[in-house]
Amino acid sequence: MQGLMMDMPLLVSNLLRHAARHFPDVEIVSRRVEGDLHRYSYRDCHDRAARLADAFTKRGVHVGDRIATLAWNGYRHMEIYYAAAGLGGVVHTINPRLHPEQIAWIVNHSNDAYLAFDLTFVPIVEAIAAHCPNVRGWIAMCGRDRMPATTKIPNLLCYEELLAEGAEGYVWPELDERSACGLCYTSGTTGNPKGALYSHRSTVLHAYAAALPDAMGASARDSILPVVPMFHVNAWGLPYTAPLVGAKLVFPGPALDGKSIYELFESEKVTYSAGVPTVWLGLLQHVSANNLRFSTFRRTVIGGSACPPAMIRAFQEQYGVDVIHAWGMTEMSPLGTLSRLQNKHLDLPKEAQQKILEKQGHVIFGVDMKIVDDDGRELAWDGKAYGNLLVRGPWVVKEYFKGEGGDPLVYDAQGRGWFPTGDVATIDADGYMQITDRSKDVIKSGGEWISSIDLENLAIAHPAVAQAAVIGIAHPKWDERPLLVVVKKPGAEVTKDELIRFYEGKIAKWWTPDDVQFVDAIPLGATGKILKTRLRETFKDYRLPTA
């Protein structure tokens, strides 16, 4: 016997329609590439997105067609999110920090019908346009008065003129909720980037889950500023979660320095934000150097790479900002775990609570996880055993776009597929997961594993250290030994011996790095993560000192 309930598909377009109907006057504020602040409401966003969808439809965009973006966080980017997905197409966000050749490869692999770009990225589009013959039109995200003067971009369209081609009153089609709505390519795989193709169903479920109190905890009382780019796994789903709950949205555009972010936080009464650790370093340095405080900012989600405990403590103890440590992947839409305290933790000493909050956290409903050894045997949840982390759930990929890489899943005895994350982790008895390393970054010394993340977090806690990375260096006896690479804070001084001594009593003695190298900068990837492949290349001929 089946239930007697209405069958309404879970569609992305319904998120924006809900916000326009029930939170019509709530603001979306954007700092534009042009330099000014743009303001309008959810109702305005919905109406413009619907007109844009109609314009694309009139230009022959069909169900399943990809519409790509090279754009910052802003209202026009938001409109494309909903226009492309709402009409039955797929919004394909591209990371502009990738090399142009890689961007061209991604555009061609996706077979994008149109590509919309912010004016910042005119040079990229000029470089790739001739190599992307299947793109029907390149859309400059501006008005006619700001159109770029270029002859290198064929079929150049003006965003505002394109939008004006659409009629008012466009009705969103009722699609199959399992049809595709979004496409993100991940650089975290071997070989060429692979595409994670999201469905309407997976995206709406992810938005629901993200809004839960023990997840991102968003509400209509929030003013949310996503520092994490909309080209980085859909800004961790915030452009979908915010309209679901009716939260104000503040888009920072291209200005992601500490001063610019702080000014927006204050002027727009931002309560909540999200971003990677490297961005928050700049913000904390700005507020500290200028003796500033936050008047409304109270919560931030930090993910993308492990958040140093020293950063969590700085936010909480110095500025009264709660840090929600999170973990996920492009292949997970991206949320998997978030670290929030449970009722039974509230009476624990502060230090014990802090240790919990430093972990990547507890799964949200919809995600399951386990750790296994190299032979696939499941390991205990005791906070000590560490193994390969596997996940499954309704917003986790089952295969990559166009079947690239074959079947990525690992199957259990019941025939259920699990996605191998490439992370090494522990899980404690309460189900809190902690990443100890990427499987490719863990340091294997004398048959045992050393966590590079733990060593980095301890180094960053030193008052003279701005950034730190740890890599394994070949050793004739121990296979590998850790090398600590450090960027000092401006004006600060610290010696190798001082940093080595800083580890005493904090870790097992044999974990201590064998040497320290000071550098001007640590290479970062397109999403702000440390590029350990480049560090290993830099130090490939380096030899550790011998005792």
Protein backbone atom coordinates (compact mmCIF):
# COMPACT_ATOMS: atom_id res chain seq x y z
CA MET A 1 0.00 0.00 0.00
CA GLN A 2 1.32 3.45 -0.95
CA GLY A 3 0.95 6.65 1.03
CA LEU A 4 -1.68 9.13 -0.06
CA MET A 5 0.45 12.25 -0.25
CA MET A 6 1.02 14.76 -3.03
CA ASP A 7 3.90 13.96 -5.33
CA MET A 8 5.79 17.24 -5.83
CA PRO A 9 9.26 16.97 -7.35
CA LEU A 10 12.20 18.46 -5.46
CA LEU A 11 13.35 21.16 -7.90
CA VAL A 12 15.95 23.90 -7.58
CA SER A 13 13.54 26.44 -9.11
CA ASN A 14 11.18 25.87 -6.18
CA LEU A 15 13.81 27.15 -3.74
CA LEU A 16 13.92 30.57 -5.39
CA ARG A 17 10.16 30.61 -5.99
CA HIS A 18 9.67 29.90 -2.27
CA ALA A 19 11.95 32.79 -1.30
CA ALA A 20 10.26 35.18 -3.73
CA ARG A 21 6.80 34.27 -2.42
CA HIS A 22 7.49 34.05 1.33
CA PHE A 23 10.54 36.32 1.78
CA PRO A 24 9.96 38.75 -1.11
CA ASP A 25 11.69 41.79 0.40
CA VAL A 26 14.73 40.08 1.90
CA GLU A 27 17.86 41.56 0.36
CA ILE A 28 20.58 40.16 -1.84
CA VAL A 29 23.53 42.58 -1.70
CA SER A 30 26.46 42.27 -4.11
CA ARG A 31 29.77 44.05 -4.41
CA ARG A 32 30.13 44.21 -8.17
CA VAL A 33 33.21 44.02 -10.35
CA GLU A 34 32.31 47.61 -11.25
CA GLY A 35 33.14 48.55 -7.64
CA ASP A 36 29.71 49.58 -6.36
CA LEU A 37 27.18 47.77 -4.19
CA HIS A 38 24.07 46.38 -5.86
CA ARG A 39 20.91 45.70 -3.88
CA TYR A 40 17.70 43.96 -4.71
CA SER A 41 15.31 41.41 -3.26
CA TYR A 42 14.53 37.72 -3.62
CA ARG A 43 11.46 38.74 -5.62
CA ASP A 44 13.68 40.70 -8.04
CA CYS A 45 16.15 37.81 -8.29
CA HIS A 46 13.36 35.36 -9.07
CA ASP A 47 11.82 37.57 -11.73
CA ARG A 48 15.14 38.22 -13.47
CA ALA A 49 16.18 34.55 -13.29
CA ALA A 50 12.85 33.55 -14.87
CA ARG A 51 13.31 36.07 -17.69
CA LEU A 52 16.85 34.79 -18.25
CA ALA A 53 15.55 31.22 -18.41
CA ASP A 54 13.03 32.30 -21.04
CA ALA A 55 15.77 34.07 -23.01
CA PHE A 56 17.97 30.96 -22.99
CA THR A 57 15.02 28.83 -24.05
CA LYS A 58 14.29 31.16 -26.97
CA ARG A 59 17.93 30.81 -28.01
CA GLY A 60 17.58 27.06 -28.20
CA VAL A 61 18.92 25.91 -24.85
CA HIS A 62 17.34 22.52 -24.18
CA VAL A 63 17.00 20.18 -21.22
CA GLY A 64 20.47 18.91 -20.30
CA ASP A 65 22.41 21.68 -22.07
CA ARG A 66 25.27 23.14 -20.05
CA ILE A 67 25.60 26.85 -19.33
CA ALA A 68 29.04 27.63 -17.90
CA THR A 69 30.21 30.48 -15.67
CA LEU A 70 33.54 32.13 -14.94
CA ALA A 71 32.32 34.48 -12.26
CA TRP A 72 32.67 35.82 -8.73
CA ASN A 73 29.96 35.66 -6.08
CA GLY A 74 27.26 38.08 -7.17
CA TYR A 75 23.62 38.52 -8.08
CA ARG A 76 24.05 37.81 -11.79
CA HIS A 77 25.84 34.58 -10.99
CA MET A 78 22.95 33.66 -8.69
CA GLU A 79 20.47 34.36 -11.51
CA ILE A 80 22.34 32.01 -13.84
CA TYR A 81 22.33 29.29 -11.15
CA TYR A 82 18.54 29.32 -11.14
CA ALA A 83 17.87 30.17 -14.78
CA ALA A 84 20.01 27.35 -16.14
CA ALA A 85 18.79 24.70 -13.70
CA GLY A 86 15.20 25.93 -13.66
CA LEU A 87 14.68 25.58 -17.40
CA GLY A 88 16.06 22.05 -17.30
CA GLY A 89 19.65 22.87 -18.20
CA VAL A 90 22.80 22.51 -16.11
CA VAL A 91 24.79 25.33 -14.53
CA HIS A 92 28.48 24.52 -14.93
CA THR A 93 30.64 26.59 -12.59
CA ILE A 94 34.31 26.79 -13.62
CA ASN A 95 37.17 27.76 -11.33
CA PRO A 96 38.89 30.76 -12.99
CA ARG A 97 42.05 30.10 -10.98
CA LEU A 98 42.81 27.07 -13.13
CA HIS A 99 45.23 27.39 -16.04
CA PRO A 100 43.53 28.58 -19.26
CA GLU A 101 44.46 25.36 -21.05
CA GLN A 102 42.74 23.37 -18.32
CA ILE A 103 39.69 25.64 -18.46
CA ALA A 104 39.46 25.14 -22.23
CA TRP A 105 39.70 21.38 -21.75
CA ILE A 106 36.86 21.47 -19.19
CA VAL A 107 34.64 23.64 -21.43
CA ASN A 108 35.13 21.25 -24.33
CA HIS A 109 34.66 18.14 -22.23
CA SER A 110 31.41 19.53 -20.85
CA ASN A 111 30.36 20.72 -24.31
CA ASP A 112 29.05 23.99 -22.86
CA ALA A 113 26.41 25.76 -24.96
CA TYR A 114 27.05 29.21 -23.46
CA LEU A 115 29.65 30.64 -21.11
CA ALA A 116 28.97 33.71 -18.94
CA PHE A 117 31.91 35.62 -17.46
CA ASP A 118 32.65 38.53 -15.18
CA LEU A 119 34.73 41.32 -16.70
CA THR A 120 37.70 40.31 -14.54
CA PHE A 121 38.04 37.22 -16.68
CA VAL A 122 38.07 38.80 -20.13
CA PRO A 123 41.75 37.79 -20.61
CA ILE A 124 40.92 34.15 -19.85
CA VAL A 125 38.01 34.12 -22.28
CA GLU A 126 40.15 35.79 -24.95
CA ALA A 127 42.74 33.05 -24.45
CA ILE A 128 40.33 30.11 -24.68
CA ALA A 129 37.56 31.24 -27.05
CA ALA A 130 39.31 30.10 -30.23
CA HIS A 131 39.90 26.68 -28.65
CA CYS A 132 36.25 26.14 -27.69
CA PRO A 133 34.39 25.96 -31.02
CA ASN A 134 31.19 24.46 -29.62
CA VAL A 135 30.35 27.42 -27.37
CA ARG A 136 27.48 29.22 -29.10
CA GLY A 137 27.83 32.48 -27.20
CA TRP A 138 30.11 34.18 -24.68
CA ILE A 139 28.11 36.34 -22.25
CA ALA A 140 29.77 39.35 -20.64
CA MET A 141 28.05 39.77 -17.25
CA CYS A 142 27.45 43.51 -17.48
CA GLY A 143 25.32 46.17 -19.17
CA ARG A 144 25.95 47.59 -22.62
CA ASP A 145 27.97 50.50 -21.21
CA ARG A 146 30.58 48.15 -19.73
CA MET A 147 30.99 45.75 -22.63
CA PRO A 148 34.65 44.84 -23.24
CA ALA A 149 36.30 46.24 -26.35
CA THR A 150 37.71 43.04 -27.79
CA THR A 151 37.89 41.32 -31.14
CA LYS A 152 39.12 38.02 -29.71
CA ILE A 153 35.77 36.77 -28.43
CA PRO A 154 33.31 35.58 -31.12
CA ASN A 155 29.56 35.70 -30.57
CA LEU A 156 29.97 38.11 -27.68
CA LEU A 157 26.69 38.84 -25.90
CA CYS A 158 25.68 41.41 -23.30
CA TYR A 159 24.12 39.84 -20.20
CA GLU A 160 21.54 42.56 -19.59
CA GLU A 161 20.49 42.60 -23.26
CA LEU A 162 20.21 38.80 -23.27
CA LEU A 163 18.05 38.91 -20.14
CA ALA A 164 15.81 41.53 -21.77
CA GLU A 165 15.02 39.04 -24.55
CA GLY A 166 13.07 36.99 -22.02
CA ALA A 167 9.41 37.65 -21.30
CA GLU A 168 7.88 38.29 -17.90
CA GLY A 169 5.67 35.59 -16.45
CA TYR A 170 7.85 32.63 -17.49
CA VAL A 171 6.56 29.46 -15.83
CA TRP A 172 9.19 27.07 -14.51
CA PRO A 173 8.73 23.63 -16.07
CA GLU A 174 8.00 20.66 -13.80
CA LEU A 175 11.04 18.47 -14.35
CA ASP A 176 12.06 15.03 -13.20
CA GLU A 177 13.74 15.68 -9.84
CA ARG A 178 16.49 13.24 -10.78
CA SER A 179 17.47 15.25 -13.84
CA ALA A 180 20.79 17.10 -13.77
CA CYS A 181 20.99 20.68 -12.55
CA GLY A 182 24.65 21.42 -11.74
CA LEU A 183 28.14 20.39 -12.80
CA CYS A 184 31.41 20.92 -10.92
CA TYR A 185 34.78 19.55 -11.97
CA THR A 186 37.14 18.42 -9.26
CA SER A 187 40.91 18.76 -9.41
CA GLY A 188 41.29 16.37 -6.48
CA THR A 189 41.51 13.34 -8.75
CA THR A 190 44.38 11.92 -10.77
CA GLY A 191 44.67 12.89 -14.43
CA ASN A 192 42.29 15.39 -15.98
CA PRO A 193 39.56 16.95 -13.80
CA LYS A 194 36.40 14.87 -13.46
CA GLY A 195 32.86 16.20 -13.36
CA ALA A 196 30.42 15.74 -10.49
CA LEU A 197 26.93 16.02 -11.97
CA TYR A 198 24.33 16.99 -9.38
CA SER A 199 20.59 16.39 -9.65
CA HIS A 200 17.70 18.60 -8.54
CA ARG A 201 16.84 16.01 -5.90
CA SER A 202 20.37 15.79 -4.51
CA THR A 203 20.76 19.58 -4.46
CA VAL A 204 17.48 20.26 -2.65
CA LEU A 205 18.12 17.49 -0.11
CA HIS A 206 21.59 18.91 0.47
CA ALA A 207 20.11 22.38 1.02
CA TYR A 208 17.64 20.98 3.56
CA ALA A 209 20.40 19.13 5.41
CA ALA A 210 22.77 22.11 5.39
CA ALA A 211 20.12 24.27 7.08
CA LEU A 212 19.72 21.90 10.04
CA PRO A 213 20.64 23.39 13.44
CA ASP A 214 23.60 21.03 13.92
CA ALA A 215 24.82 21.59 10.37
CA MET A 216 25.15 25.14 9.02
CA GLY A 217 22.20 26.23 11.12
CA ALA A 218 21.00 28.94 8.73
CA SER A 219 17.77 30.84 9.38
CA ALA A 220 15.69 33.84 8.32
CA ARG A 221 17.42 35.78 11.10
CA ASP A 222 20.79 35.49 9.38
CA SER A 223 22.70 37.74 7.05
CA ILE A 224 25.00 35.30 5.24
CA LEU A 225 28.18 36.23 3.37
CA PRO A 226 29.67 33.29 1.43
CA VAL A 227 33.38 33.99 1.11
CA VAL A 228 33.78 30.53 -0.40
CA PRO A 229 33.37 31.11 -4.15
CA MET A 230 30.30 30.05 -6.07
CA PHE A 231 32.74 28.25 -8.38
CA HIS A 232 33.94 26.12 -5.43
CA VAL A 233 31.25 23.44 -5.09
CA ASN A 234 28.41 25.97 -5.36
CA ALA A 235 29.69 28.03 -2.41
CA TRP A 236 29.07 24.92 -0.30
CA GLY A 237 25.37 25.07 -1.20
CA LEU A 238 24.67 28.48 0.38
CA PRO A 239 22.99 29.95 -2.75
CA TYR A 240 20.43 27.16 -2.28
CA THR A 241 20.23 27.06 1.53
CA ALA A 242 19.78 30.83 1.96
CA PRO A 243 16.57 31.12 -0.10
CA LEU A 244 15.27 27.90 1.49
CA VAL A 245 15.31 29.60 4.91
CA GLY A 246 14.88 33.21 3.74
CA ALA A 247 18.27 34.49 4.90
CA LYS A 248 19.76 37.72 3.59
CA LEU A 249 22.63 37.08 1.17
CA VAL A 250 25.72 39.28 0.88
CA PHE A 251 28.03 38.55 -2.05
CA PRO A 252 31.61 39.90 -1.79
CA GLY A 253 32.48 39.87 -5.49
CA PRO A 254 36.20 39.90 -6.29
CA ALA A 255 37.38 41.72 -3.13
CA LEU A 256 38.33 38.93 -0.72
CA ASP A 257 41.03 40.70 1.26
CA GLY A 258 40.59 41.10 5.01
CA LYS A 259 39.76 44.81 4.88
CA SER A 260 37.08 44.44 2.20
CA ILE A 261 35.42 41.48 3.89
CA TYR A 262 35.43 43.21 7.28
CA GLU A 263 33.81 46.33 5.84
CA LEU A 264 30.99 44.26 4.30
CA PHE A 265 30.53 42.34 7.53
CA GLU A 266 29.96 45.58 9.40
CA SER A 267 27.93 47.53 6.83
CA GLU A 268 25.56 44.63 6.03
CA LYS A 269 25.30 43.29 9.60
CA VAL A 270 26.61 39.88 8.56
CA THR A 271 25.96 37.21 11.18
CA TYR A 272 27.29 34.18 9.37
CA SER A 273 29.96 33.33 6.82
CA ALA A 274 31.84 30.42 5.25
CA GLY A 275 35.26 30.02 3.72
CA VAL A 276 38.60 28.22 3.63
CA PRO A 277 41.30 28.79 6.30
CA THR A 278 43.58 30.86 4.06
CA VAL A 279 40.89 33.55 3.66
CA TRP A 280 40.34 33.82 7.39
CA LEU A 281 44.07 34.32 7.98
CA GLY A 282 43.80 37.60 6.07
CA LEU A 283 40.69 38.68 7.99
CA LEU A 284 42.17 37.88 11.40
CA GLN A 285 45.37 39.71 10.54
CA HIS A 286 43.38 42.79 9.48
CA VAL A 287 41.19 42.98 12.58
CA SER A 288 44.15 42.30 14.87
CA ALA A 289 46.42 44.89 13.25
CA ASN A 290 43.70 47.55 13.44
CA ASN A 291 42.30 46.61 16.86
CA LEU A 292 38.84 45.97 15.41
CA ARG A 293 35.85 44.00 16.69
CA PHE A 294 32.86 42.34 15.01
CA SER A 295 29.50 43.88 15.87
CA THR A 296 27.20 41.18 14.42
CA PHE A 297 29.43 38.37 13.08
CA ARG A 298 28.86 35.30 15.29
CA ARG A 299 29.34 32.07 13.28
CA THR A 300 31.49 30.83 10.46
CA VAL A 301 31.87 27.50 8.69
CA ILE A 302 35.50 26.69 7.90
CA GLY A 303 36.36 23.84 5.55
CA GLY A 304 38.13 23.06 2.30
CA SER A 305 41.19 22.03 4.30
CA ALA A 306 41.75 21.36 7.99
CA CYS A 307 41.24 24.44 10.15
CA PRO A 308 44.16 24.97 12.55
CA PRO A 309 43.02 24.78 16.20
CA ALA A 310 44.81 28.07 16.82
CA MET A 311 42.46 29.73 14.33
CA ILE A 312 39.39 28.24 16.00
CA ARG A 313 40.59 29.53 19.38
CA ALA A 314 41.40 33.00 17.98
CA PHE A 315 37.91 33.41 16.55
CA GLN A 316 36.20 32.16 19.70
CA GLU A 317 38.33 33.62 22.47
CA GLN A 318 39.33 36.95 20.94
CA TYR A 319 36.26 37.82 18.86
CA GLY A 320 33.34 35.74 20.15
CA VAL A 321 32.84 33.98 16.80
CA ASP A 322 31.89 30.29 16.85
CA VAL A 323 33.73 28.20 14.29
CA ILE A 324 31.88 25.28 12.74
CA HIS A 325 34.62 22.99 11.44
CA ALA A 326 33.33 21.14 8.38
CA TRP A 327 34.45 18.55 5.86
CA GLY A 328 33.19 17.53 2.47
CA MET A 329 34.13 17.09 -1.18
CA THR A 330 33.03 18.17 -4.63
CA GLU A 331 31.80 14.61 -5.00
CA MET A 332 29.56 15.16 -1.94
CA SER A 333 27.87 18.38 -3.06
CA PRO A 334 29.95 19.04 -0.72
CA LEU A 335 28.81 18.64 2.92
CA GLY A 336 29.63 15.47 4.84
CA THR A 337 30.37 16.37 8.46
CA LEU A 338 30.21 19.42 10.71
CA SER A 339 31.49 19.74 14.26
CA ARG A 340 28.83 20.84 16.74
CA LEU A 341 28.53 19.82 20.39
CA GLN A 342 25.83 17.42 21.58
CA ASN A 343 23.84 17.75 24.79
CA LYS A 344 26.09 15.34 26.64
CA HIS A 345 29.13 17.47 25.80
CA LEU A 346 27.83 20.67 27.40
CA ASP A 347 29.06 19.82 30.89
CA LEU A 348 32.54 18.85 29.73
CA PRO A 349 35.50 21.08 30.58
CA LYS A 350 36.21 23.76 28.00
CA GLU A 351 39.38 22.03 26.83
CA ALA A 352 37.51 18.77 26.20
CA GLN A 353 34.83 20.64 24.22
CA GLN A 354 37.56 22.34 22.21
CA LYS A 355 39.05 18.96 21.25
CA ILE A 356 35.67 17.89 19.87
CA LEU A 357 35.19 21.11 17.91
CA GLU A 358 38.63 20.73 16.33
CA LYS A 359 37.50 17.52 14.64
CA GLN A 360 35.84 17.60 11.22
CA GLY A 361 32.69 16.51 12.96
CA HIS A 362 29.57 14.39 12.89
CA VAL A 363 27.66 13.36 9.77
CA ILE A 364 24.40 15.07 8.94
CA PHE A 365 21.38 12.91 8.12
CA GLY A 366 21.72 11.52 4.61
CA VAL A 367 25.43 10.75 4.84
CA ASP A 368 26.94 7.54 6.19
CA MET A 369 30.64 6.85 6.58
CA LYS A 370 33.13 4.23 7.70
CA ILE A 371 36.87 3.69 7.89
CA VAL A 372 38.55 0.60 6.46
CA ASP A 373 42.06 -0.79 6.25
CA ASP A 374 43.87 -1.39 2.98
CA ASP A 375 42.16 -4.78 2.68
CA GLY A 376 38.70 -3.25 3.04
CA ARG A 377 38.09 -4.45 6.61
CA GLU A 378 35.99 -2.04 8.65
CA LEU A 379 37.84 -0.46 11.60
CA ALA A 380 36.64 0.40 15.08
CA TRP A 381 35.18 3.77 16.03
CA ASP A 382 37.48 4.33 18.99
CA GLY A 383 39.19 7.58 17.99
CA LYS A 384 42.49 5.72 17.67
CA ALA A 385 42.25 3.40 14.67
CA TYR A 386 42.71 5.29 11.45
CA GLY A 387 41.96 4.11 7.96
CA ASN A 388 40.62 4.99 4.55
CA LEU A 389 37.40 7.02 4.78
CA LEU A 390 34.41 5.85 2.69
CA VAL A 391 31.05 7.62 2.36
CA ARG A 392 27.62 7.10 0.82
CA GLY A 393 24.43 9.12 0.60
CA PRO A 394 21.83 10.75 -1.68
CA TRP A 395 24.10 13.69 -2.56
CA VAL A 396 27.26 11.61 -3.09
CA VAL A 397 28.32 10.81 -6.66
CA LYS A 398 27.93 7.27 -7.94
CA GLU A 399 30.08 7.94 -11.02
CA TYR A 400 31.75 10.85 -12.76
CA PHE A 401 30.34 12.80 -15.72
CA LYS A 402 30.60 10.84 -18.97
CA GLY A 403 31.80 7.82 -17.01
CA GLU A 404 35.35 9.17 -16.70
CA GLY A 405 37.56 6.91 -14.62
CA GLY A 406 35.12 4.01 -14.66
CA ASP A 407 33.24 2.92 -11.56
CA PRO A 408 34.75 4.81 -8.61
CA LEU A 409 32.82 2.99 -5.87
CA VAL A 410 33.90 0.30 -3.45
CA TYR A 411 31.25 -2.33 -2.75
CA ASP A 412 30.50 -4.01 0.59
CA ALA A 413 29.19 -7.52 1.24
CA GLN A 414 25.60 -6.32 0.74
CA GLY A 415 26.49 -4.89 -2.68
CA ARG A 416 26.15 -1.28 -1.52
CA GLY A 417 28.46 1.24 -3.14
CA TRP A 418 30.74 3.45 -1.04
CA PHE A 419 32.75 6.38 -2.38
CA PRO A 420 36.46 6.32 -1.42
CA THR A 421 37.31 9.87 -0.35
CA GLY A 422 41.09 9.57 -0.48
CA ASP A 423 41.25 10.77 3.14
CA VAL A 424 42.69 8.92 6.10
CA ALA A 425 40.62 9.44 9.24
CA THR A 426 39.65 8.30 12.72
CA ILE A 427 36.09 8.13 14.07
CA ASP A 428 35.44 8.23 17.83
CA ALA A 429 32.77 6.41 19.81
CA ASP A 430 30.35 9.36 19.41
CA GLY A 431 30.75 9.28 15.62
CA TYR A 432 33.00 12.35 15.32
CA MET A 433 35.39 12.04 12.41
CA GLN A 434 38.85 13.56 12.25
CA ILE A 435 40.95 13.71 9.10
CA THR A 436 44.52 12.68 9.84
CA ASP A 437 45.73 13.19 6.28
CA ARG A 438 45.10 12.73 2.62
CA SER A 439 46.16 9.20 1.71
CA LYS A 440 48.69 10.66 -0.73
CA ASP A 441 50.11 13.06 1.89
CA VAL A 442 50.47 10.81 4.92
CA ILE A 443 54.11 10.32 5.88
CA LYS A 444 55.18 6.69 6.17
CA SER A 445 58.07 6.40 8.59
CA GLY A 446 59.47 3.07 9.77
CA GLY A 447 56.25 1.27 8.88
CA GLU A 448 54.12 3.74 10.85
CA TRP A 449 52.07 6.74 9.70
CA ILE A 450 52.65 10.35 10.70
CA SER A 451 49.87 12.91 10.21
CA SER A 452 51.12 15.96 8.32
CA ILE A 453 47.96 17.83 9.37
CA ASP A 454 48.70 17.41 13.08
CA LEU A 455 52.25 18.69 12.60
CA GLU A 456 51.02 21.67 10.56
CA ASN A 457 48.39 22.61 13.13
CA LEU A 458 50.98 22.62 15.92
CA ALA A 459 53.38 24.76 13.89
CA ILE A 460 50.70 27.33 13.09
CA ALA A 461 50.04 27.68 16.83
CA HIS A 462 53.51 29.21 17.19
CA PRO A 463 53.15 33.02 17.40
CA ALA A 464 55.80 33.63 14.73
CA VAL A 465 54.31 31.28 12.09
CA ALA A 466 51.91 32.54 9.44
CA GLN A 467 51.66 29.37 7.35
CA ALA A 468 53.07 25.87 7.60
CA ALA A 469 53.17 22.72 5.50
CA VAL A 470 54.69 19.32 6.19
CA ILE A 471 55.83 16.88 3.52
CA GLY A 472 57.61 13.55 3.60
CA ILE A 473 61.25 13.44 2.50
CA ALA A 474 62.94 10.21 1.48
CA HIS A 475 65.09 8.68 4.20
CA PRO A 476 67.52 5.74 3.75
CA LYS A 477 66.50 4.03 7.00
CA TRP A 478 62.94 5.17 7.81
CA ASP A 479 61.51 5.40 4.26
CA GLU A 480 60.22 8.94 4.89
CA ARG A 481 60.71 11.64 7.51
CA PRO A 482 58.76 14.91 7.95
CA LEU A 483 60.09 18.25 6.71
CA LEU A 484 58.40 21.39 8.06
CA VAL A 485 58.09 24.28 5.60
CA VAL A 486 57.26 27.63 7.21
CA VAL A 487 56.25 31.18 6.24
CA LYS A 488 57.00 33.58 9.09
CA LYS A 489 54.64 36.37 10.08
CA PRO A 490 55.75 39.86 8.93
CA GLY A 491 58.41 41.16 11.30
CA ALA A 492 58.56 37.94 13.30
CA GLU A 493 61.68 35.89 13.88
CA VAL A 494 62.00 32.25 14.85
CA THR A 495 64.77 29.71 14.39
CA LYS A 496 64.69 26.11 13.27
CA ASP A 497 65.68 24.89 16.73
CA GLU A 498 62.94 26.95 18.38
CA LEU A 499 60.30 25.39 16.14
CA ILE A 500 61.63 21.88 16.72
CA ARG A 501 61.51 22.48 20.49
CA PHE A 502 57.95 23.78 20.14
CA TYR A 503 56.83 20.21 19.43
CA GLU A 504 58.30 18.80 22.66
CA GLY A 505 55.68 17.19 24.88
CA LYS A 506 52.90 17.74 22.32
CA ILE A 507 53.46 14.69 20.08
CA ALA A 508 55.29 11.39 20.05
CA LYS A 509 58.99 12.21 19.85
CA TRP A 510 59.50 10.22 16.65
CA TRP A 511 56.86 12.37 14.90
CA THR A 512 58.99 15.51 15.32
CA PRO A 513 60.10 17.01 11.99
CA ASP A 514 63.73 16.34 11.15
CA ASP A 515 64.26 19.80 9.69
CA VAL A 516 62.66 23.19 9.00
CA GLN A 517 62.86 25.23 5.82
CA PHE A 518 61.75 28.88 5.71
CA VAL A 519 60.12 30.16 2.51
CA ASP A 520 58.50 33.41 1.37
CA ALA A 521 55.28 31.70 0.30
CA ILE A 522 53.65 28.28 0.32
CA PRO A 523 52.02 27.38 -3.02
CA LEU A 524 48.23 27.24 -2.93
CA GLY A 525 45.87 25.58 -5.38
CA ALA A 526 42.80 26.92 -7.10
CA THR A 527 40.61 26.43 -4.02
CA GLY A 528 43.10 27.70 -1.44
CA LYS A 529 44.54 24.32 -0.45
CA ILE A 530 48.28 23.79 -0.02
CA LEU A 531 49.82 22.33 -3.17
CA LYS A 532 51.95 19.60 -1.64
CA THR A 533 52.72 18.20 -5.08
CA ARG A 534 54.51 21.46 -5.88
CA LEU A 535 56.26 21.50 -2.51
CA ARG A 536 57.48 17.96 -3.10
CA GLU A 537 58.76 19.03 -6.51
CA THR A 538 60.54 22.03 -4.97
CA PHE A 539 62.27 19.85 -2.39
CA LYS A 540 62.81 16.75 -4.54
CA ASP A 541 66.59 17.11 -4.33
CA TYR A 542 66.60 18.13 -0.68
CA ARG A 543 68.47 15.88 1.73
CA LEU A 544 67.62 15.75 5.41
CA PRO A 545 70.46 16.52 7.81
CA THR A 546 72.15 13.47 9.29
CA ALA A 547 72.81 13.21 12.98
